[in-house]
Amino acid sequence: MKNLLFLLVIIAAFGNCKSQKEQATAASPVADTKLIALQTFACRGFCPIYTLTFYNSGLLEYNGERFVEKTGAATVKLTPAEVAALRGEVTKTNLWQYPDEIKAQVMDAPYATLTVWDGDKTKSVRGTIDRPKPLLELEKILKNLAEAHGLKVIKGVNPNEPANRN
């Protein structure tokens, strides 16, 4: 009888346990979806090349490629107030109203792509400094948020300067 009771307790304990992966999946809110991303591209100079991806949960993923102070990946967490303000700016800017590419008048200006998500739908707008003012302002907001959390994205890094050589 003692053994049967012990066996039932063990079965009940294991039956109620979930793997860490199952617990993490269950704990991940639906809000942990992508909100907006900024991807920058090269120019003939030392324009920083990186991607910033902002999630509804407040996660900010950074991936620095070239001409940045930090190459590689990093993540930071935005405050709830920052996420709410960012959502408001994304909604106000409404990327859905713009064409996929804004034609450039300046030949060597750095390109950037803004991408927003709405459920399964995405909308990307690519262009240079010739983009409409609301798009440039939204890009500035994204860069300032990254800078506020220690990610240096505004100024490019000249790899030929002695201080920047690895």
N, C-alpha and C. Protein backbone atom coordinates (compact mmCIF):
# COMPACT_ATOMS: atom_id res chain seq x y z
N MET A 1 0.83 -1.20 0.00
CA MET A 1 0.00 0.00 0.00
C MET A 1 0.87 1.26 0.00
N LYS A 2 1.94 1.24 0.84
CA LYS A 2 2.85 2.37 0.90
C LYS A 2 3.50 2.62 -0.45
N ASN A 3 3.91 1.54 -1.11
CA ASN A 3 4.56 1.66 -2.42
C ASN A 3 3.59 2.21 -3.46
N LEU A 4 2.34 1.78 -3.41
CA LEU A 4 1.34 2.27 -4.35
C LEU A 4 1.09 3.76 -4.14
N LEU A 5 1.00 4.19 -2.90
CA LEU A 5 0.80 5.60 -2.59
C LEU A 5 2.00 6.42 -3.06
N PHE A 6 3.21 5.91 -2.81
CA PHE A 6 4.42 6.60 -3.26
C PHE A 6 4.45 6.72 -4.78
N LEU A 7 4.08 5.66 -5.47
CA LEU A 7 4.05 5.65 -6.93
C LEU A 7 3.04 6.67 -7.46
N LEU A 8 1.87 6.76 -6.84
CA LEU A 8 0.86 7.72 -7.26
C LEU A 8 1.34 9.17 -7.06
N VAL A 9 2.04 9.42 -5.95
CA VAL A 9 2.58 10.76 -5.70
C VAL A 9 3.61 11.11 -6.76
N ILE A 10 4.48 10.18 -7.11
CA ILE A 10 5.51 10.40 -8.14
C ILE A 10 4.85 10.67 -9.49
N ILE A 11 3.88 9.88 -9.86
CA ILE A 11 3.19 10.07 -11.14
C ILE A 11 2.50 11.42 -11.18
N ALA A 12 1.84 11.80 -10.10
CA ALA A 12 1.16 13.09 -10.05
C ALA A 12 2.16 14.25 -10.17
N ALA A 13 3.30 14.10 -9.51
CA ALA A 13 4.31 15.16 -9.56
C ALA A 13 4.86 15.32 -10.97
N PHE A 14 5.20 14.22 -11.62
CA PHE A 14 5.72 14.30 -12.98
C PHE A 14 4.66 14.69 -13.99
N GLY A 15 3.44 14.31 -13.74
CA GLY A 15 2.35 14.65 -14.65
C GLY A 15 2.06 16.15 -14.68
N ASN A 16 2.29 16.82 -13.57
CA ASN A 16 2.05 18.25 -13.49
C ASN A 16 3.24 19.10 -13.92
N CYS A 17 4.39 18.46 -14.10
CA CYS A 17 5.58 19.21 -14.50
C CYS A 17 5.57 19.43 -16.00
N LYS A 18 6.04 20.60 -16.38
CA LYS A 18 6.21 20.92 -17.79
C LYS A 18 7.68 21.14 -18.03
N SER A 19 8.10 20.86 -19.23
CA SER A 19 9.50 21.15 -19.55
C SER A 19 9.71 22.65 -19.51
N GLN A 20 10.98 23.06 -19.40
CA GLN A 20 11.28 24.49 -19.38
C GLN A 20 10.84 25.14 -20.68
N LYS A 21 10.98 24.42 -21.78
CA LYS A 21 10.57 24.97 -23.07
C LYS A 21 9.06 25.20 -23.10
N GLU A 22 8.29 24.24 -22.60
CA GLU A 22 6.84 24.40 -22.56
C GLU A 22 6.44 25.56 -21.66
N GLN A 23 7.13 25.71 -20.51
CA GLN A 23 6.83 26.80 -19.60
C GLN A 23 7.17 28.14 -20.24
N ALA A 24 8.31 28.20 -20.93
CA ALA A 24 8.70 29.45 -21.59
C ALA A 24 7.71 29.82 -22.68
N THR A 25 7.27 28.82 -23.43
CA THR A 25 6.30 29.08 -24.49
C THR A 25 4.98 29.56 -23.89
N ALA A 26 4.55 28.92 -22.82
CA ALA A 26 3.29 29.31 -22.19
C ALA A 26 3.40 30.71 -21.57
N ALA A 27 4.58 31.05 -21.07
CA ALA A 27 4.75 32.34 -20.42
C ALA A 27 4.95 33.47 -21.43
N SER A 28 5.33 33.13 -22.66
CA SER A 28 5.56 34.17 -23.67
C SER A 28 4.24 34.74 -24.12
N PRO A 29 4.04 36.03 -23.88
CA PRO A 29 2.76 36.61 -24.27
C PRO A 29 2.67 36.77 -25.78
N VAL A 30 1.48 36.84 -26.27
CA VAL A 30 1.25 37.08 -27.69
C VAL A 30 1.88 38.40 -28.08
N ALA A 31 2.02 39.30 -27.12
CA ALA A 31 2.57 40.62 -27.39
C ALA A 31 4.06 40.57 -27.75
N ASP A 32 4.69 39.40 -27.66
CA ASP A 32 6.11 39.29 -27.99
C ASP A 32 6.27 39.07 -29.49
N THR A 33 5.62 39.92 -30.25
CA THR A 33 5.73 39.89 -31.70
C THR A 33 6.47 41.14 -32.14
N LYS A 34 6.96 41.11 -33.36
CA LYS A 34 7.70 42.26 -33.87
C LYS A 34 6.76 43.44 -34.06
N LEU A 35 7.29 44.60 -33.72
CA LEU A 35 6.55 45.85 -33.89
C LEU A 35 7.10 46.62 -35.08
N ILE A 36 8.39 46.91 -35.06
CA ILE A 36 9.03 47.69 -36.12
C ILE A 36 10.52 47.36 -36.15
N ALA A 37 11.11 47.48 -37.34
CA ALA A 37 12.55 47.28 -37.49
C ALA A 37 13.12 48.38 -38.37
N LEU A 38 14.37 48.70 -38.09
CA LEU A 38 15.14 49.64 -38.91
C LEU A 38 16.40 48.91 -39.34
N GLN A 39 16.61 48.87 -40.64
CA GLN A 39 17.83 48.28 -41.18
C GLN A 39 18.54 49.35 -41.99
N THR A 40 19.82 49.58 -41.68
CA THR A 40 20.59 50.58 -42.41
C THR A 40 21.57 49.89 -43.34
N PHE A 41 21.93 50.60 -44.42
CA PHE A 41 22.80 50.04 -45.45
C PHE A 41 24.00 50.93 -45.68
N ALA A 42 24.94 50.44 -46.45
CA ALA A 42 26.20 51.13 -46.68
C ALA A 42 26.05 52.35 -47.57
N CYS A 43 27.04 53.21 -47.47
CA CYS A 43 27.23 54.32 -48.39
C CYS A 43 28.70 54.27 -48.79
N ARG A 44 29.18 55.25 -49.52
CA ARG A 44 30.59 55.24 -49.92
C ARG A 44 31.52 55.62 -48.78
N GLY A 45 30.98 56.13 -47.71
CA GLY A 45 31.78 56.50 -46.56
C GLY A 45 31.70 55.43 -45.48
N PHE A 46 31.52 55.89 -44.24
CA PHE A 46 31.50 54.99 -43.09
C PHE A 46 30.13 54.99 -42.43
N CYS A 47 29.09 54.89 -43.23
CA CYS A 47 27.74 54.85 -42.69
C CYS A 47 27.58 53.56 -41.89
N PRO A 48 27.06 53.65 -40.67
CA PRO A 48 26.89 52.44 -39.86
C PRO A 48 25.86 51.50 -40.48
N ILE A 49 26.18 50.21 -40.46
CA ILE A 49 25.31 49.18 -41.02
C ILE A 49 24.86 48.29 -39.86
N TYR A 50 23.57 48.32 -39.57
CA TYR A 50 23.03 47.58 -38.44
C TYR A 50 21.53 47.37 -38.63
N THR A 51 20.97 46.53 -37.77
CA THR A 51 19.52 46.32 -37.72
C THR A 51 19.05 46.48 -36.28
N LEU A 52 17.97 47.22 -36.11
CA LEU A 52 17.28 47.34 -34.83
C LEU A 52 15.90 46.73 -35.00
N THR A 53 15.54 45.78 -34.16
CA THR A 53 14.21 45.17 -34.22
C THR A 53 13.54 45.37 -32.86
N PHE A 54 12.41 46.05 -32.88
CA PHE A 54 11.65 46.35 -31.67
C PHE A 54 10.46 45.42 -31.59
N TYR A 55 10.25 44.83 -30.42
CA TYR A 55 9.14 43.91 -30.18
C TYR A 55 8.09 44.56 -29.29
N ASN A 56 6.85 44.11 -29.41
CA ASN A 56 5.76 44.62 -28.59
C ASN A 56 6.00 44.39 -27.10
N SER A 57 6.80 43.40 -26.76
CA SER A 57 7.10 43.09 -25.35
C SER A 57 8.08 44.09 -24.75
N GLY A 58 8.72 44.91 -25.59
CA GLY A 58 9.73 45.84 -25.10
C GLY A 58 11.15 45.40 -25.41
N LEU A 59 11.30 44.22 -25.95
CA LEU A 59 12.63 43.74 -26.33
C LEU A 59 13.13 44.53 -27.53
N LEU A 60 14.39 44.89 -27.51
CA LEU A 60 15.04 45.55 -28.63
C LEU A 60 16.26 44.71 -28.98
N GLU A 61 16.27 44.18 -30.20
CA GLU A 61 17.41 43.41 -30.68
C GLU A 61 18.25 44.28 -31.61
N TYR A 62 19.55 44.24 -31.41
CA TYR A 62 20.50 44.99 -32.21
C TYR A 62 21.44 44.00 -32.87
N ASN A 63 21.76 44.24 -34.14
CA ASN A 63 22.78 43.45 -34.82
C ASN A 63 23.65 44.41 -35.62
N GLY A 64 24.86 44.66 -35.14
CA GLY A 64 25.79 45.57 -35.80
C GLY A 64 26.67 44.81 -36.77
N GLU A 65 26.79 45.32 -38.00
CA GLU A 65 27.57 44.64 -39.02
C GLU A 65 28.89 45.33 -39.33
N ARG A 66 28.83 46.60 -39.78
CA ARG A 66 30.05 47.32 -40.17
C ARG A 66 29.94 48.79 -39.78
N PHE A 67 31.10 49.38 -39.53
CA PHE A 67 31.21 50.80 -39.22
C PHE A 67 30.37 51.20 -38.00
N VAL A 68 30.30 50.28 -37.04
CA VAL A 68 29.58 50.52 -35.78
C VAL A 68 30.55 50.31 -34.62
N GLU A 69 30.23 50.89 -33.48
CA GLU A 69 31.09 50.72 -32.31
C GLU A 69 31.08 49.29 -31.81
N LYS A 70 29.93 48.61 -31.93
CA LYS A 70 29.82 47.22 -31.48
C LYS A 70 29.27 46.37 -32.61
N THR A 71 30.09 45.44 -33.09
CA THR A 71 29.58 44.49 -34.07
C THR A 71 28.99 43.30 -33.32
N GLY A 72 28.07 42.62 -33.97
CA GLY A 72 27.43 41.47 -33.36
C GLY A 72 26.08 41.83 -32.77
N ALA A 73 25.56 40.89 -31.99
CA ALA A 73 24.20 41.01 -31.46
C ALA A 73 24.19 41.51 -30.02
N ALA A 74 23.13 42.21 -29.70
CA ALA A 74 22.88 42.66 -28.32
C ALA A 74 21.37 42.84 -28.17
N THR A 75 20.90 42.70 -26.95
CA THR A 75 19.49 42.95 -26.66
C THR A 75 19.38 43.85 -25.44
N VAL A 76 18.35 44.68 -25.45
CA VAL A 76 18.03 45.53 -24.30
C VAL A 76 16.52 45.50 -24.12
N LYS A 77 16.08 45.98 -22.98
CA LYS A 77 14.65 45.99 -22.66
C LYS A 77 14.18 47.43 -22.50
N LEU A 78 13.17 47.81 -23.28
CA LEU A 78 12.57 49.13 -23.18
C LEU A 78 11.59 49.15 -22.00
N THR A 79 11.32 50.32 -21.49
CA THR A 79 10.34 50.45 -20.42
C THR A 79 8.94 50.37 -21.04
N PRO A 80 7.94 50.04 -20.25
CA PRO A 80 6.57 50.03 -20.78
C PRO A 80 6.16 51.39 -21.36
N ALA A 81 6.60 52.49 -20.75
CA ALA A 81 6.27 53.82 -21.27
C ALA A 81 6.92 54.04 -22.64
N GLU A 82 8.15 53.58 -22.81
CA GLU A 82 8.83 53.71 -24.10
C GLU A 82 8.11 52.90 -25.18
N VAL A 83 7.67 51.70 -24.83
CA VAL A 83 6.96 50.84 -25.79
C VAL A 83 5.64 51.48 -26.19
N ALA A 84 4.91 52.01 -25.21
CA ALA A 84 3.63 52.65 -25.50
C ALA A 84 3.83 53.86 -26.41
N ALA A 85 4.84 54.68 -26.12
CA ALA A 85 5.12 55.85 -26.95
C ALA A 85 5.53 55.43 -28.36
N LEU A 86 6.34 54.38 -28.45
CA LEU A 86 6.78 53.89 -29.76
C LEU A 86 5.59 53.37 -30.58
N ARG A 87 4.72 52.61 -29.94
CA ARG A 87 3.52 52.13 -30.64
C ARG A 87 2.71 53.30 -31.19
N GLY A 88 2.58 54.35 -30.39
CA GLY A 88 1.85 55.54 -30.83
C GLY A 88 2.51 56.19 -32.03
N GLU A 89 3.82 56.28 -32.04
CA GLU A 89 4.54 56.88 -33.16
C GLU A 89 4.43 56.02 -34.42
N VAL A 90 4.49 54.71 -34.25
CA VAL A 90 4.36 53.80 -35.40
C VAL A 90 2.97 53.94 -36.01
N THR A 91 1.96 53.99 -35.16
CA THR A 91 0.58 54.15 -35.64
C THR A 91 0.41 55.50 -36.33
N LYS A 92 0.93 56.55 -35.72
CA LYS A 92 0.80 57.90 -36.28
C LYS A 92 1.50 58.01 -37.63
N THR A 93 2.66 57.40 -37.78
CA THR A 93 3.43 57.49 -39.03
C THR A 93 2.76 56.70 -40.15
N ASN A 94 2.17 55.56 -39.83
CA ASN A 94 1.41 54.75 -40.79
C ASN A 94 2.20 54.45 -42.06
N LEU A 95 3.17 53.56 -41.94
CA LEU A 95 3.98 53.17 -43.09
C LEU A 95 3.16 52.60 -44.24
N TRP A 96 1.97 52.08 -43.96
CA TRP A 96 1.14 51.46 -44.97
C TRP A 96 0.75 52.43 -46.08
N GLN A 97 0.81 53.72 -45.82
CA GLN A 97 0.40 54.71 -46.81
C GLN A 97 1.51 55.04 -47.83
N TYR A 98 2.73 54.56 -47.59
CA TYR A 98 3.86 54.92 -48.44
C TYR A 98 4.19 53.82 -49.44
N PRO A 99 4.81 54.20 -50.56
CA PRO A 99 5.27 53.17 -51.50
C PRO A 99 6.41 52.36 -50.89
N ASP A 100 6.69 51.20 -51.45
CA ASP A 100 7.74 50.34 -50.92
C ASP A 100 9.13 50.97 -51.02
N GLU A 101 9.33 51.81 -52.03
CA GLU A 101 10.62 52.48 -52.18
C GLU A 101 10.41 53.94 -52.53
N ILE A 102 11.14 54.79 -51.84
CA ILE A 102 11.14 56.22 -52.12
C ILE A 102 12.38 56.47 -52.97
N LYS A 103 12.18 56.91 -54.19
CA LYS A 103 13.30 57.12 -55.11
C LYS A 103 14.24 58.20 -54.58
N ALA A 104 15.53 57.98 -54.78
CA ALA A 104 16.56 58.88 -54.25
C ALA A 104 16.94 59.94 -55.27
N GLN A 105 17.12 61.15 -54.77
CA GLN A 105 17.66 62.23 -55.58
C GLN A 105 19.16 62.41 -55.30
N VAL A 106 19.60 61.92 -54.15
CA VAL A 106 21.00 62.02 -53.75
C VAL A 106 21.64 60.66 -53.98
N MET A 107 22.72 60.64 -54.75
CA MET A 107 23.31 59.37 -55.18
C MET A 107 23.99 58.58 -54.07
N ASP A 108 24.68 59.23 -53.16
CA ASP A 108 25.45 58.48 -52.17
C ASP A 108 24.92 58.64 -50.75
N ALA A 109 23.66 58.82 -50.60
CA ALA A 109 23.09 58.90 -49.26
C ALA A 109 22.85 57.47 -48.74
N PRO A 110 22.99 57.26 -47.45
CA PRO A 110 22.78 55.92 -46.91
C PRO A 110 21.31 55.50 -47.01
N TYR A 111 21.09 54.26 -47.40
CA TYR A 111 19.75 53.71 -47.47
C TYR A 111 19.34 53.15 -46.12
N ALA A 112 18.04 53.18 -45.88
CA ALA A 112 17.48 52.56 -44.68
C ALA A 112 16.12 51.97 -45.04
N THR A 113 15.78 50.91 -44.37
CA THR A 113 14.46 50.29 -44.54
C THR A 113 13.75 50.25 -43.21
N LEU A 114 12.53 50.75 -43.19
CA LEU A 114 11.65 50.63 -42.03
C LEU A 114 10.64 49.55 -42.35
N THR A 115 10.44 48.62 -41.41
CA THR A 115 9.47 47.54 -41.60
C THR A 115 8.57 47.49 -40.38
N VAL A 116 7.26 47.44 -40.62
CA VAL A 116 6.29 47.29 -39.52
C VAL A 116 5.53 45.98 -39.70
N TRP A 117 5.03 45.48 -38.57
CA TRP A 117 4.25 44.25 -38.56
C TRP A 117 2.87 44.54 -38.00
N ASP A 118 1.89 43.89 -38.59
CA ASP A 118 0.52 43.91 -38.09
C ASP A 118 -0.01 42.50 -38.23
N GLY A 119 0.16 41.72 -37.16
CA GLY A 119 -0.20 40.31 -37.25
C GLY A 119 0.73 39.61 -38.24
N ASP A 120 0.15 38.98 -39.25
CA ASP A 120 0.94 38.27 -40.26
C ASP A 120 1.36 39.18 -41.41
N LYS A 121 0.88 40.42 -41.42
CA LYS A 121 1.19 41.33 -42.51
C LYS A 121 2.42 42.17 -42.16
N THR A 122 3.22 42.47 -43.20
CA THR A 122 4.35 43.37 -43.01
C THR A 122 4.34 44.42 -44.11
N LYS A 123 4.93 45.54 -43.79
CA LYS A 123 5.07 46.61 -44.76
C LYS A 123 6.46 47.21 -44.58
N SER A 124 7.22 47.29 -45.68
CA SER A 124 8.55 47.88 -45.66
C SER A 124 8.60 49.08 -46.58
N VAL A 125 9.33 50.09 -46.15
CA VAL A 125 9.57 51.29 -46.96
C VAL A 125 11.07 51.53 -46.95
N ARG A 126 11.64 51.62 -48.14
CA ARG A 126 13.08 51.81 -48.28
C ARG A 126 13.36 53.13 -48.96
N GLY A 127 14.42 53.80 -48.51
CA GLY A 127 14.80 55.05 -49.14
C GLY A 127 15.99 55.68 -48.45
N THR A 128 16.33 56.89 -48.88
CA THR A 128 17.46 57.62 -48.31
C THR A 128 16.96 58.85 -47.59
N ILE A 129 17.77 59.88 -47.61
CA ILE A 129 17.40 61.12 -46.94
C ILE A 129 16.26 61.84 -47.64
N ASP A 130 15.84 61.36 -48.80
CA ASP A 130 14.74 61.95 -49.56
C ASP A 130 13.37 61.45 -49.10
N ARG A 131 13.34 60.61 -48.08
CA ARG A 131 12.06 60.09 -47.60
C ARG A 131 11.25 61.20 -46.96
N PRO A 132 9.93 61.04 -46.92
CA PRO A 132 9.08 62.05 -46.27
C PRO A 132 9.48 62.25 -44.80
N LYS A 133 9.24 63.46 -44.32
CA LYS A 133 9.63 63.85 -42.96
C LYS A 133 9.12 62.89 -41.88
N PRO A 134 7.86 62.41 -41.93
CA PRO A 134 7.41 61.48 -40.88
C PRO A 134 8.26 60.20 -40.80
N LEU A 135 8.74 59.72 -41.95
CA LEU A 135 9.58 58.51 -41.94
C LEU A 135 10.94 58.82 -41.32
N LEU A 136 11.51 59.96 -41.66
CA LEU A 136 12.80 60.35 -41.09
C LEU A 136 12.68 60.58 -39.58
N GLU A 137 11.57 61.15 -39.15
CA GLU A 137 11.36 61.38 -37.72
C GLU A 137 11.20 60.06 -36.96
N LEU A 138 10.48 59.10 -37.56
CA LEU A 138 10.33 57.79 -36.93
C LEU A 138 11.68 57.10 -36.82
N GLU A 139 12.47 57.18 -37.87
CA GLU A 139 13.81 56.59 -37.84
C GLU A 139 14.64 57.22 -36.72
N LYS A 140 14.55 58.52 -36.56
CA LYS A 140 15.28 59.22 -35.51
C LYS A 140 14.84 58.75 -34.12
N ILE A 141 13.54 58.53 -33.95
CA ILE A 141 13.01 58.03 -32.67
C ILE A 141 13.60 56.66 -32.37
N LEU A 142 13.65 55.78 -33.37
CA LEU A 142 14.21 54.43 -33.17
C LEU A 142 15.68 54.51 -32.78
N LYS A 143 16.43 55.35 -33.47
CA LYS A 143 17.85 55.50 -33.16
C LYS A 143 18.05 56.09 -31.76
N ASN A 144 17.24 57.07 -31.40
CA ASN A 144 17.37 57.68 -30.07
C ASN A 144 17.03 56.68 -28.96
N LEU A 145 16.04 55.82 -29.18
CA LEU A 145 15.73 54.78 -28.20
C LEU A 145 16.91 53.84 -28.02
N ALA A 146 17.51 53.44 -29.13
CA ALA A 146 18.68 52.55 -29.05
C ALA A 146 19.82 53.24 -28.31
N GLU A 147 20.09 54.50 -28.63
CA GLU A 147 21.16 55.26 -27.97
C GLU A 147 20.88 55.39 -26.48
N ALA A 148 19.62 55.63 -26.11
CA ALA A 148 19.26 55.79 -24.70
C ALA A 148 19.54 54.53 -23.89
N HIS A 149 19.60 53.39 -24.58
CA HIS A 149 19.87 52.11 -23.90
C HIS A 149 21.29 51.62 -24.17
N GLY A 150 22.17 52.54 -24.56
CA GLY A 150 23.58 52.20 -24.68
C GLY A 150 24.04 51.64 -26.01
N LEU A 151 23.15 51.56 -26.98
CA LEU A 151 23.54 51.06 -28.30
C LEU A 151 23.92 52.25 -29.17
N LYS A 152 25.16 52.33 -29.54
CA LYS A 152 25.68 53.46 -30.32
C LYS A 152 25.40 53.21 -31.80
N VAL A 153 24.40 53.92 -32.34
CA VAL A 153 23.99 53.69 -33.73
C VAL A 153 23.99 54.93 -34.60
N ILE A 154 24.11 56.09 -34.01
CA ILE A 154 23.94 57.32 -34.78
C ILE A 154 25.17 57.66 -35.61
N LYS A 155 26.34 57.51 -35.06
CA LYS A 155 27.55 57.90 -35.74
C LYS A 155 28.29 56.68 -36.27
N GLY A 156 28.73 56.75 -37.52
CA GLY A 156 29.53 55.68 -38.09
C GLY A 156 30.95 55.70 -37.54
N VAL A 157 31.64 54.57 -37.62
CA VAL A 157 32.98 54.43 -37.11
C VAL A 157 33.93 54.21 -38.28
N ASN A 158 34.96 55.03 -38.35
CA ASN A 158 35.98 54.90 -39.38
C ASN A 158 36.97 53.82 -38.93
N PRO A 159 37.04 52.70 -39.63
CA PRO A 159 37.92 51.61 -39.20
C PRO A 159 39.41 51.94 -39.40
N ASN A 160 39.71 53.01 -40.12
CA ASN A 160 41.09 53.39 -40.37
C ASN A 160 41.69 54.23 -39.25
N GLU A 161 40.84 54.74 -38.35
CA GLU A 161 41.35 55.50 -37.22
C GLU A 161 41.95 54.53 -36.20
N PRO A 162 43.11 54.87 -35.65
CA PRO A 162 43.80 53.95 -34.72
C PRO A 162 42.92 53.50 -33.55
N ALA A 163 42.09 54.36 -33.04
CA ALA A 163 41.25 53.99 -31.89
C ALA A 163 40.21 52.92 -32.25
N ASN A 164 39.90 52.74 -33.52
CA ASN A 164 38.87 51.81 -33.95
C ASN A 164 39.41 50.50 -34.50
N ARG A 165 40.72 50.35 -34.55
CA ARG A 165 41.32 49.09 -35.05
C ARG A 165 41.29 48.05 -33.97
N ASN A 166 40.96 46.83 -34.38
CA ASN A 166 40.93 45.73 -33.41
C ASN A 166 42.22 44.97 -33.43
